């Protein structure tokens, strides 16, 4: 069976730390999960190593555009406990972006978004690493034809989809649990992104010292050549991802390559970022709250505010004096007490002059509601969402902060 040059040449684990065999296995597993993403872009890494720096916030380092990538595998306060694999993979995707981009700018975050999306798609379709399908059985034997590799990949994806049908859980990750606060989930995801970015030592003054420390304490293991059957399975999963991307972006689909590693996300035009100034931007008039009507104290025992109104004895609503019943509960207006200032009665047989009945001008609550709904329908509808100026993530209008990077939208 033919073999292919490995995408990662060597692994290096700390031989002076406990559970060193598990550390080496974790490095191999992380590499296995991201190899389809690397293969699609033609990326290669010289050495994938673990590190345990004294700076407790550091999580990863990319030295010299992929010559060496360092990952924190253990918790900073306990070297015997390993960080969850998904968090280590996310850091690995972050450091892979430094093969193309140096600073943490907008193109960097766009590429990181694309790598995260492809990783989630691989997990949704049942990919669990080199040489394994969803059942966890190792591939072996004769060379697998490409059409057979595609068939096995599609079968694993269909089985994965069938197992999750109706579960309401997002495949490839821990879905939102029932009753869990969605705002907290979004905030945690944004905080995770900030933590990984701040824990990146790439391009810092400390990076050279970290590389030298890993060279002294690390034990290198030369990676075996990639099996051609594993290569066929990877290419089959890449085909499935490209099909999903074509359906998602339609005519705007751009294939991923070494020249365009961000794919379709890199081809989407981003809104211009306004220049920063000392003065904050003016608040649009449409966002200013309308003046509120004066509040009425329903618990007060004071008399009505004026002679032109009366208070309902049931619901305490203050009604205009022209209303014969309460506008809220329809209770009949109480009989006013006799007053010596009433005008004398008209002579018998004389018809008093007719006055305009103010009740004929009264509008019911239903009519007022219709007027309000009509006015609301006449207002121009705003956009359904907005694009984050920092990472380009699309969010619905009701959200004020980006779920990807935590940045607040520039206008409402």
Protein backbone atom coordinates (compact mmCIF):
# COMPACT_ATOMS: atom_id res chain seq x y z
CA UNK A 1 0.00 0.00 0.00
CA UNK A 2 1.40 3.41 -1.01
CA UNK A 3 2.25 6.04 1.58
CA UNK A 4 2.18 9.84 1.38
CA UNK A 5 4.45 12.41 3.03
CA UNK A 6 2.94 13.41 6.39
CA UNK A 7 1.41 16.84 6.87
CA UNK A 8 3.03 16.98 10.31
CA UNK A 9 6.61 15.74 10.28
CA UNK A 10 7.28 15.22 14.02
CA UNK A 11 5.57 15.22 17.41
CA UNK A 12 7.27 16.45 20.56
CA UNK A 13 5.98 15.86 24.09
CA UNK A 14 7.45 16.83 27.45
CA UNK A 15 9.28 13.80 28.78
CA UNK A 16 9.50 15.23 32.31
CA UNK A 17 5.74 15.56 32.80
CA UNK A 18 3.43 12.81 34.13
CA UNK A 19 1.28 10.81 31.71
CA UNK A 20 3.68 11.53 28.85
CA UNK A 21 2.25 8.70 26.70
CA UNK A 22 -1.21 10.31 26.85
CA UNK A 23 0.31 13.64 25.86
CA UNK A 24 1.82 12.12 22.73
CA UNK A 25 -1.50 10.41 21.91
CA UNK A 26 -3.33 13.72 22.35
CA UNK A 27 -0.97 15.45 19.91
CA UNK A 28 -1.58 12.69 17.35
CA UNK A 29 -5.36 12.95 17.83
CA UNK A 30 -5.39 16.75 17.41
CA UNK A 31 -3.32 16.45 14.25
CA UNK A 32 -5.62 13.74 12.92
CA UNK A 33 -8.72 15.92 13.37
CA UNK A 34 -7.29 18.93 11.50
CA UNK A 35 -5.46 17.11 8.70
CA UNK A 36 -8.36 17.33 6.19
CA UNK A 37 -8.37 21.11 6.72
CA UNK A 38 -4.60 21.24 6.21
CA UNK A 39 -4.72 18.91 3.19
CA UNK A 40 -7.30 21.13 1.46
CA UNK A 41 -4.96 24.14 1.70
CA UNK A 42 -1.63 22.43 1.25
CA UNK A 43 -0.40 23.39 4.74
CA UNK A 44 2.39 21.50 6.53
CA UNK A 45 3.75 21.72 10.07
CA UNK A 46 7.30 20.77 10.98
CA UNK A 47 6.88 19.92 14.67
CA UNK A 48 3.72 19.74 16.75
CA UNK A 49 4.75 19.98 20.40
CA UNK A 50 3.23 20.41 23.82
CA UNK A 51 4.36 23.17 26.17
CA UNK A 52 3.63 24.14 29.76
CA UNK A 53 4.87 27.72 30.12
CA UNK A 54 4.89 29.56 33.46
CA UNK A 55 2.53 32.16 31.94
CA UNK A 56 -0.78 30.57 32.88
CA UNK A 57 -2.75 32.38 30.18
CA UNK A 58 -0.69 31.10 27.21
CA UNK A 59 -2.42 28.41 25.17
CA UNK A 60 -0.57 28.20 21.83
CA UNK A 61 2.30 29.40 19.65
CA UNK A 62 3.08 29.26 15.93
CA UNK A 63 6.80 29.69 15.31
CA UNK A 64 8.06 30.71 11.87
CA UNK A 65 4.84 30.11 9.86
CA UNK A 66 4.33 26.52 10.91
CA UNK A 67 7.90 25.36 11.49
CA UNK A 68 6.79 24.54 15.04
CA UNK A 69 3.36 24.79 16.70
CA UNK A 70 3.14 24.59 20.49
CA UNK A 71 -0.08 23.65 22.29
CA UNK A 72 -0.94 23.65 25.99
CA UNK A 73 -2.37 20.21 26.76
CA UNK A 74 -2.49 20.42 30.57
CA UNK A 75 -4.17 22.82 32.98
CA UNK A 76 -1.77 25.47 34.29
CA UNK A 77 -2.54 24.61 37.94
CA UNK A 78 -2.33 20.81 37.61
CA UNK A 79 -0.01 19.16 35.11
CA UNK A 80 -1.72 15.80 35.63
CA UNK A 81 -5.06 17.02 34.28
CA UNK A 82 -5.54 17.47 30.52
CA UNK A 83 -7.56 20.24 28.89
CA UNK A 84 -10.63 18.98 26.93
CA UNK A 85 -9.72 17.88 23.42
CA UNK A 86 -12.15 20.28 21.70
CA UNK A 87 -10.50 23.28 23.34
CA UNK A 88 -7.05 22.10 22.26
CA UNK A 89 -8.32 21.60 18.69
CA UNK A 90 -9.74 25.14 18.69
CA UNK A 91 -6.33 26.48 19.74
CA UNK A 92 -4.73 24.39 16.98
CA UNK A 93 -7.07 25.94 14.39
CA UNK A 94 -6.12 29.38 15.71
CA UNK A 95 -2.41 28.67 15.36
CA UNK A 96 -2.86 27.23 11.87
CA UNK A 97 -4.25 30.61 10.80
CA UNK A 98 -0.85 32.12 11.65
CA UNK A 99 0.65 30.18 8.74
CA UNK A 100 -1.06 32.75 6.50
CA UNK A 101 -1.76 35.78 8.72
CA UNK A 102 0.41 37.29 11.42
CA UNK A 103 -1.66 39.86 13.35
CA UNK A 104 -5.09 39.14 14.79
CA UNK A 105 -6.86 41.35 12.25
CA UNK A 106 -10.07 40.94 10.25
CA UNK A 107 -8.62 38.52 7.60
CA UNK A 108 -7.23 36.39 10.44
CA UNK A 109 -10.62 36.10 12.19
CA UNK A 110 -12.35 35.43 8.87
CA UNK A 111 -10.02 32.49 8.23
CA UNK A 112 -10.46 31.25 11.81
CA UNK A 113 -14.23 31.30 11.34
CA UNK A 114 -13.88 29.23 8.16
CA UNK A 115 -11.62 26.65 9.83
CA UNK A 116 -14.03 26.36 12.76
CA UNK A 117 -16.95 25.88 10.39
CA UNK A 118 -15.16 23.14 8.44
CA UNK A 119 -14.16 21.37 11.66
CA UNK A 120 -17.79 21.36 12.84
CA UNK A 121 -18.88 20.05 9.43
CA UNK A 122 -16.38 17.19 9.66
CA UNK A 123 -17.69 16.21 13.09
CA UNK A 124 -21.30 16.45 11.90
CA UNK A 125 -20.51 14.05 9.08
CA UNK A 126 -18.94 11.48 11.41
CA UNK A 127 -15.24 12.14 10.86
CA UNK A 128 -13.33 11.20 14.01
CA UNK A 129 -9.76 11.14 12.76
CA UNK A 130 -7.37 9.23 10.57
CA UNK A 131 -8.12 5.60 9.90
CA UNK A 132 -11.45 5.64 11.73
CA UNK A 133 -15.09 5.91 10.82
CA UNK A 134 -17.96 6.65 13.20
CA UNK A 135 -17.79 3.13 14.70
CA UNK A 136 -14.12 3.68 15.56
CA UNK A 137 -12.83 0.73 13.49
CA UNK A 138 -9.44 1.00 11.85
CA UNK A 139 -9.24 0.87 8.09
CA UNK A 140 -6.76 -1.62 6.75
CA UNK A 141 -6.04 -4.10 4.02
CA UNK A 142 -5.87 -3.30 0.36
CA UNK A 143 -6.02 0.13 -1.16
CA UNK A 144 -9.51 1.69 -1.10
CA UNK A 145 -10.73 3.13 -4.41
CA UNK A 146 -11.86 6.74 -4.32
CA UNK A 147 -15.50 5.89 -5.05
CA UNK A 148 -15.51 3.43 -2.12
CA UNK A 149 -14.01 6.06 0.16
CA UNK A 150 -16.77 8.49 -0.83
CA UNK A 151 -19.40 5.82 -0.21
CA UNK A 152 -18.07 5.08 3.27
CA UNK A 153 -17.85 8.78 4.12
CA UNK A 154 -21.45 9.40 2.98
CA UNK A 155 -22.65 6.35 4.90
CA UNK A 156 -20.99 7.64 8.06
CA UNK A 157 -22.53 11.08 7.51
CA UNK A 158 -26.02 9.64 6.96
CA UNK A 159 -25.75 7.46 10.05
CA UNK A 160 -24.60 10.45 12.08
CA UNK A 161 -27.55 12.51 10.82
CA UNK A 162 -30.03 9.71 11.55
CA UNK A 163 -28.77 9.26 15.11
CA UNK A 164 -29.26 12.96 15.82
CA UNK A 165 -32.62 13.33 14.04
CA UNK A 166 -35.17 14.88 16.38
CA UNK A 167 -32.70 15.24 19.23
CA UNK A 168 -32.53 19.03 18.90
CA UNK A 169 -28.79 18.88 19.48
CA UNK A 170 -26.19 20.43 17.25
CA UNK A 171 -23.85 17.76 15.96
CA UNK A 172 -20.15 18.24 16.38
CA UNK A 173 -20.34 19.97 19.73
CA UNK A 174 -22.23 20.24 22.97
CA UNK A 175 -25.59 21.62 21.92
CA UNK A 176 -27.62 24.05 23.96
CA UNK A 177 -29.19 22.07 26.77
CA UNK A 178 -32.86 22.36 27.51
CA UNK A 179 -33.51 25.31 29.79
CA UNK A 180 -30.01 26.71 29.33
CA UNK A 181 -29.65 30.47 28.96
CA UNK A 182 -28.85 31.15 25.29
CA UNK A 183 -27.34 34.52 26.20
CA UNK A 184 -24.88 32.78 28.52
CA UNK A 185 -23.97 30.30 25.76
CA UNK A 186 -23.21 33.14 23.35
CA UNK A 187 -21.25 35.01 26.01
CA UNK A 188 -19.21 31.90 26.82
CA UNK A 189 -18.39 31.37 23.15
CA UNK A 190 -17.28 34.98 22.81
CA UNK A 191 -15.18 34.70 25.96
CA UNK A 192 -13.58 31.50 24.65
CA UNK A 193 -12.56 33.30 21.48
CA UNK A 194 -11.05 36.16 23.48
CA UNK A 195 -9.21 33.71 25.78
CA UNK A 196 -7.59 31.86 22.87
CA UNK A 197 -6.60 35.11 21.16
CA UNK A 198 -5.06 36.55 24.32
CA UNK A 199 -3.35 33.22 25.04
CA UNK A 200 -1.54 33.20 21.69
CA UNK A 201 2.20 33.83 21.99
CA UNK A 202 2.81 34.03 18.22
CA UNK A 203 4.83 37.08 17.24
CA UNK A 204 5.60 38.09 20.84
CA UNK A 205 8.98 38.60 22.49
CA UNK A 206 8.40 35.46 24.56
CA UNK A 207 8.02 33.15 21.55
CA UNK A 208 11.73 32.48 20.97
CA UNK A 209 12.28 31.58 24.64
CA UNK A 210 9.34 29.16 24.56
CA UNK A 211 10.73 27.40 21.47
CA UNK A 212 14.11 26.98 23.13
CA UNK A 213 12.51 25.54 26.28
CA UNK A 214 10.57 22.96 24.26
CA UNK A 215 13.76 21.96 22.44
CA UNK A 216 15.43 21.21 25.78
CA UNK A 217 12.58 19.36 27.48
CA UNK A 218 10.84 17.75 24.54
CA UNK A 219 11.14 14.19 23.25
CA UNK A 220 10.59 14.00 19.49
CA UNK A 221 8.74 11.23 17.72
CA UNK A 222 8.98 11.10 13.95
CA UNK A 223 5.56 10.89 12.33
CA UNK A 224 4.76 7.95 10.12
CA UNK A 225 3.90 8.55 6.49
CA UNK A 226 0.20 9.04 5.90
CA UNK A 227 -1.61 5.98 4.67
CA UNK A 228 -3.14 6.31 1.19
CA UNK A 229 -6.45 4.94 2.46
CA UNK A 230 -6.52 7.70 5.07
CA UNK A 231 -5.82 10.16 2.26
CA UNK A 232 -8.79 8.82 0.29
CA UNK A 233 -11.10 9.15 3.30
CA UNK A 234 -9.90 12.73 3.88
CA UNK A 235 -10.56 13.69 0.26
CA UNK A 236 -14.02 12.11 0.46
CA UNK A 237 -14.91 14.21 3.51
CA UNK A 238 -13.50 17.30 1.80
CA UNK A 239 -15.87 16.62 -1.12
CA UNK A 240 -18.82 16.46 1.30
CA UNK A 241 -17.80 19.78 2.87
CA UNK A 242 -17.50 21.44 -0.55
CA UNK A 243 -20.98 20.20 -1.50
CA UNK A 244 -22.41 21.75 1.66
CA UNK A 245 -20.57 25.02 0.99
CA UNK A 246 -21.95 25.16 -2.58
CA UNK A 247 -25.50 24.74 -1.27
CA UNK A 248 -24.92 27.40 1.37
CA UNK A 249 -23.34 30.13 -0.79
CA UNK A 250 -24.82 29.34 -4.23
CA UNK A 251 -23.30 31.49 -6.96
CA UNK A 252 -21.07 33.22 -4.39
CA UNK A 253 -19.26 29.95 -3.59
CA UNK A 254 -15.47 30.15 -3.84
CA UNK A 255 -13.50 26.90 -3.39
CA UNK A 256 -10.89 26.76 -0.65
CA UNK A 257 -7.28 26.64 -1.80
CA UNK A 258 -3.80 27.66 -0.75
CA UNK A 259 -4.30 30.99 -2.55
CA UNK A 260 -7.70 31.58 -0.88
CA UNK A 261 -7.64 29.67 2.43
CA UNK A 262 -10.79 31.41 3.76
CA UNK A 263 -12.89 30.20 0.81
CA UNK A 264 -16.27 31.85 0.36
CA UNK A 265 -16.00 33.74 3.65
CA UNK A 266 -12.91 35.50 2.38
CA UNK A 267 -14.72 36.56 -0.79
CA UNK A 268 -17.67 38.20 1.03
CA UNK A 269 -17.26 42.00 1.01
CA UNK A 270 -17.11 43.46 4.50
CA UNK A 271 -18.64 46.80 5.48
CA UNK A 272 -16.08 49.56 5.96
CA UNK A 273 -14.98 50.15 9.52
CA UNK A 274 -15.45 53.81 10.49
CA UNK A 275 -12.42 55.66 11.72
CA UNK A 276 -12.10 56.05 15.47
CA UNK A 277 -12.53 59.55 16.84
CA UNK A 278 -12.74 61.12 20.26
CA UNK A 279 -16.36 62.15 19.74
CA UNK A 280 -18.93 59.33 19.74
CA UNK A 281 -21.18 59.03 16.67
CA UNK A 282 -24.54 60.81 16.93
CA UNK A 283 -27.48 58.71 17.97
CA UNK A 284 -30.04 58.34 15.15
CA UNK A 285 -33.35 60.03 15.82
CA UNK A 286 -35.22 56.78 15.21
CA UNK A 287 -33.51 55.19 18.21
CA UNK A 288 -34.42 57.93 20.67
CA UNK A 289 -37.31 56.96 22.96
CA UNK A 290 -40.55 58.83 22.52
CA UNK A 291 -41.58 61.17 25.34
CA UNK A 292 -43.57 59.30 27.94
CA UNK A 293 -47.00 60.36 29.13
CA UNK A 294 -47.25 61.50 32.74
CA UNK A 295 -47.73 58.64 35.16
CA UNK A 296 -50.90 58.31 37.22
CA UNK A 297 -50.65 57.07 40.78
CA UNK A 298 -53.44 54.48 41.02
CA UNK A 299 -52.81 53.93 44.75
CA UNK A 300 -53.30 57.57 45.67
CA UNK A 301 -56.45 58.52 47.61
CA UNK A 302 -56.25 62.12 46.48
CA UNK A 303 -59.17 63.57 44.51
CA UNK A 304 -59.08 63.61 40.71
CA UNK A 305 -56.50 65.95 39.25
CA UNK A 306 -59.14 68.25 37.77
CA UNK A 307 -62.88 68.79 37.47
CA UNK A 308 -62.78 67.45 33.89
CA UNK A 309 -62.22 63.84 34.99
CA UNK A 310 -63.58 61.20 37.33
CA UNK A 311 -62.08 58.10 38.98
CA UNK A 312 -63.57 54.63 38.58
CA UNK A 313 -64.43 53.02 41.94
CA UNK A 314 -63.55 49.53 40.63
CA UNK A 315 -60.25 49.86 38.75
CA UNK A 316 -59.30 53.43 39.83
CA UNK A 317 -58.79 54.54 36.22
CA UNK A 318 -59.07 58.30 35.74
CA UNK A 319 -61.61 58.90 32.95
CA UNK A 320 -62.56 62.13 31.16
CA UNK A 321 -65.68 63.79 32.50
CA UNK A 322 -67.48 63.12 29.20
CA UNK A 323 -67.26 59.31 29.68
CA UNK A 324 -70.40 57.76 31.22
CA UNK A 325 -68.63 54.45 31.88
CA UNK A 326 -65.06 53.45 32.64
CA UNK A 327 -62.94 52.97 29.52
CA UNK A 328 -61.10 50.02 31.15
CA UNK A 329 -63.73 47.96 32.99
CA UNK A 330 -66.99 49.49 31.60
CA UNK A 331 -68.26 50.26 35.10
CA UNK A 332 -70.96 52.91 35.08
CA UNK A 333 -69.92 56.36 36.21
CA UNK A 334 -71.01 57.05 39.78
CA UNK A 335 -73.67 59.68 40.32
CA UNK A 336 -72.08 62.97 41.23
CA UNK A 337 -73.19 64.54 44.51
CA UNK A 338 -75.75 67.32 44.39
CA UNK A 339 -74.23 70.74 44.12
CA UNK A 340 -75.82 74.10 45.00
CA UNK A 341 -74.15 75.64 41.99
CA UNK A 342 -76.23 73.68 39.47
CA UNK A 343 -78.13 75.87 37.02
CA UNK A 344 -81.91 76.24 37.62
CA UNK A 345 -84.14 73.84 35.73
CA UNK A 346 -85.67 75.07 32.54
CA UNK A 347 -89.36 76.07 32.54
CA UNK A 348 -91.82 73.28 31.97
CA UNK A 349 -92.48 72.57 28.35
CA UNK A 350 -89.35 74.36 27.17
CA UNK A 351 -86.92 72.17 25.27
CA UNK A 352 -83.29 72.90 26.18
CA UNK A 353 -81.00 73.68 23.29
CA UNK A 354 -79.16 70.71 21.78
CA UNK A 355 -75.45 70.37 22.41
CA UNK A 356 -72.86 68.31 20.66
CA UNK A 357 -72.65 64.95 22.36
CA UNK A 358 -68.95 64.29 23.08
CA UNK A 359 -69.60 60.53 23.24
CA UNK A 360 -70.09 60.45 19.49
CA UNK A 361 -66.42 61.42 19.04
CA UNK A 362 -65.13 58.74 21.38
CA UNK A 363 -63.10 55.92 19.79
CA UNK A 364 -63.09 52.46 21.20
CA UNK A 365 -59.91 50.71 22.27
CA UNK A 366 -60.19 48.42 19.23
CA UNK A 367 -60.23 51.41 16.86
CA UNK A 368 -57.19 52.89 18.57
CA UNK A 369 -55.38 49.57 18.30
CA UNK A 370 -56.08 49.41 14.59
CA UNK A 371 -54.70 52.92 14.15
CA UNK A 372 -51.52 51.98 16.02
CA UNK A 373 -51.04 48.80 13.96
CA UNK A 374 -51.60 50.73 10.75
CA UNK A 375 -49.02 53.33 11.74
CA UNK A 376 -46.53 50.60 12.67
CA UNK A 377 -47.04 48.85 9.32
CA UNK A 378 -46.38 52.11 7.48
CA UNK A 379 -42.97 52.50 9.10
CA UNK A 380 -40.04 51.27 6.97
CA UNK A 381 -38.73 47.89 8.12
CA UNK A 382 -35.12 47.73 9.24
CA UNK A 383 -32.58 45.08 8.23
CA UNK A 384 -32.97 41.54 9.54
CA UNK A 385 -29.40 41.43 10.81
CA UNK A 386 -25.93 42.93 10.78
CA UNK A 387 -22.35 41.93 10.03
CA UNK A 388 -19.74 42.19 12.76
CA UNK A 389 -17.12 44.78 11.81
CA UNK A 390 -14.44 42.78 13.63
CA UNK A 391 -14.87 39.16 12.50
CA UNK A 392 -17.59 39.41 9.81
CA UNK A 393 -20.03 37.13 11.65
CA UNK A 394 -23.74 37.68 10.76
CA UNK A 395 -26.09 38.36 13.69
CA UNK A 396 -29.82 39.01 14.00
CA UNK A 397 -30.94 42.58 14.67
CA UNK A 398 -32.09 41.83 18.23
CA UNK A 399 -28.51 41.03 19.32
CA UNK A 400 -26.22 43.93 20.24
CA UNK A 401 -22.98 41.96 20.51
CA UNK A 402 -21.33 39.45 18.18
CA UNK A 403 -21.53 35.81 19.24
CA UNK A 404 -18.16 35.13 17.63
CA UNK A 405 -15.88 37.83 19.05
CA UNK A 406 -18.03 39.77 21.52
CA UNK A 407 -17.78 43.09 19.64
CA UNK A 408 -20.73 45.47 19.91
CA UNK A 409 -22.45 46.55 16.72
CA UNK A 410 -21.63 50.03 15.52
CA UNK A 411 -25.22 51.26 15.01
CA UNK A 412 -28.68 50.15 16.00
